[in-house]
Protein backbone atom coordinates (compact mmCIF):
# COMPACT_ATOMS: atom_id res chain seq x y z
CA MET A 1 229.01 74.68 227.80
CA ASN A 2 227.85 77.73 225.83
CA ARG A 3 230.61 78.40 223.29
CA PRO A 4 230.73 81.36 220.88
CA THR A 5 229.71 80.47 217.31
CA ILE A 6 231.80 81.12 214.21
CA LEU A 7 230.49 80.85 210.64
CA THR A 8 233.15 81.31 207.99
CA GLY A 9 234.32 79.56 204.86
CA ASP A 10 235.81 79.76 201.41
CA ARG A 11 234.53 80.09 197.88
CA THR A 12 235.30 76.90 196.01
CA THR A 13 237.24 78.35 193.09
CA GLY A 14 240.41 76.28 193.42
CA PRO A 15 242.77 74.77 195.97
CA LEU A 16 243.76 76.81 199.00
CA HIS A 17 247.32 78.15 199.39
CA ILE A 18 249.74 79.33 202.08
CA GLY A 19 248.02 82.72 202.20
CA HIS A 20 244.79 81.01 203.25
CA TYR A 21 246.69 79.27 206.03
CA ALA A 22 248.27 82.47 207.34
CA GLY A 23 245.10 84.49 206.85
CA SER A 24 242.41 82.22 208.26
CA LEU A 25 243.08 78.48 208.50
CA ALA A 26 245.50 78.81 211.45
CA ASN A 27 242.81 80.65 213.42
CA ARG A 28 240.21 78.06 212.48
CA LEU A 29 242.47 75.36 213.89
CA ARG A 30 242.98 77.35 217.09
CA TYR A 31 239.21 77.86 217.60
CA GLN A 32 238.10 74.25 217.06
CA ASP A 33 237.88 73.52 220.78
CA SER A 34 236.83 76.90 222.15
CA HIS A 35 234.09 77.76 219.61
CA GLU A 36 231.16 76.14 217.84
CA GLN A 37 232.61 76.43 214.34
CA PHE A 38 230.94 76.03 210.95
CA LEU A 39 233.02 76.12 207.75
CA LEU A 40 231.06 76.80 204.61
CA LEU A 41 232.22 75.46 201.25
CA ALA A 42 230.68 78.38 199.34
CA ASP A 43 230.02 76.72 195.98
CA THR A 44 226.90 78.74 195.19
CA GLN A 45 228.75 81.98 195.87
CA ALA A 46 231.66 80.78 193.71
CA LEU A 47 229.28 80.61 190.75
CA THR A 48 228.83 84.41 190.80
CA ASP A 49 232.10 84.87 188.93
CA ASN A 50 232.52 81.33 187.58
CA ALA A 51 229.11 80.79 185.97
CA ASN A 52 230.83 80.00 182.69
CA ASP A 53 232.72 77.09 184.32
CA PRO A 54 230.51 75.34 186.90
CA GLU A 55 232.63 72.19 186.57
CA LYS A 56 235.59 74.13 188.02
CA VAL A 57 233.47 75.04 191.03
CA ARG A 58 232.28 71.43 191.39
CA ARG A 59 235.86 70.08 191.26
CA SER A 60 237.07 72.68 193.71
CA VAL A 61 234.60 71.62 196.40
CA MET A 62 236.58 68.44 197.01
CA GLU A 63 239.92 70.27 196.76
CA VAL A 64 238.96 72.80 199.42
CA ALA A 65 237.45 70.12 201.67
CA LEU A 66 240.64 68.07 201.42
CA ASP A 67 242.71 71.18 202.14
CA TYR A 68 240.68 71.70 205.33
CA LEU A 69 241.41 68.15 206.43
CA ALA A 70 245.08 68.38 205.43
CA VAL A 71 245.73 71.35 207.72
CA GLY A 72 244.04 69.61 210.65
CA ILE A 73 240.42 70.74 210.59
CA ASP A 74 238.67 67.95 212.46
CA PRO A 75 235.10 67.26 211.25
CA CYS A 76 234.32 65.88 214.72
CA ARG A 77 235.05 69.33 216.23
CA THR A 78 234.18 71.62 213.29
CA THR A 79 231.13 71.30 211.05
CA ILE A 80 232.01 71.50 207.35
CA CYS A 81 228.98 72.20 205.17
CA LEU A 82 228.29 72.70 201.47
CA GLN A 83 226.38 75.90 200.70
CA SER A 84 224.35 74.44 197.83
CA HIS A 85 223.04 71.70 200.15
CA LEU A 86 221.59 74.13 202.68
CA PRO A 87 218.19 75.23 201.31
CA ALA A 88 217.68 77.66 204.19
CA LEU A 89 220.58 79.79 202.88
CA ALA A 90 218.94 80.10 199.46
CA GLU A 91 215.62 80.96 201.12
CA LEU A 92 217.26 83.62 203.28
CA SER A 93 219.06 85.05 200.24
CA MET A 94 215.75 85.31 198.40
CA LEU A 95 214.26 87.23 201.32
CA TYR A 96 217.22 89.62 201.37
CA LEU A 97 216.96 90.15 197.63
CA ASN A 98 213.45 91.45 198.18
CA PHE A 99 214.50 93.91 200.87
CA VAL A 100 217.90 95.20 199.80
CA THR A 101 218.09 97.58 196.86
CA VAL A 102 221.08 98.06 194.56
CA ALA A 103 221.40 101.61 195.92
CA ARG A 104 221.72 100.23 199.44
CA LEU A 105 224.31 97.67 198.31
CA GLU A 106 226.35 100.40 196.69
CA ARG A 107 226.54 102.24 200.03
CA ASN A 108 228.23 99.24 201.67
CA LEU A 109 231.97 99.89 201.25
CA THR A 110 232.94 96.22 201.00
CA ILE A 111 230.30 95.47 198.38
CA LYS A 112 230.96 98.74 196.57
CA ASP A 113 234.63 97.79 196.22
CA GLU A 114 233.70 94.27 195.07
CA ILE A 115 231.40 95.73 192.39
CA ARG A 116 234.21 97.99 191.17
CA VAL A 117 236.93 95.29 191.22
CA ARG A 118 234.77 92.80 189.32
CA GLY A 119 233.53 95.40 186.83
CA PHE A 120 229.87 94.62 187.44
CA GLY A 121 228.65 98.19 187.02
CA ARG A 122 224.87 98.07 187.46
CA ASP A 123 224.71 94.36 186.48
CA ILE A 124 225.28 92.92 189.95
CA PRO A 125 224.73 89.15 190.05
């Protein structure tokens, strides 16, 4: 059976909460049987604004993984993966870094807002 693929996940910056359930986890549960689903524990991405506390990110990996299991994510039906253990993602990011300029990033509304909210200015990590 050719099922649609979903790749989504969460930055590992702390335990999940009811807002995560209402906003995304309930859908992830619903799609376990109808989609090929991959949930990314985004620990590398979490370091972008937690570089001063990598231990927090490390601890949060287990918290988020346990939260997935607690709400009913079944690792037999949904693949849960750790970003830092997927070298291909780092390689792809390096390629993108060579092709995408800061000016182009600033034209993307989502990224532009993220830059503003986090106060990065021109020092985008």
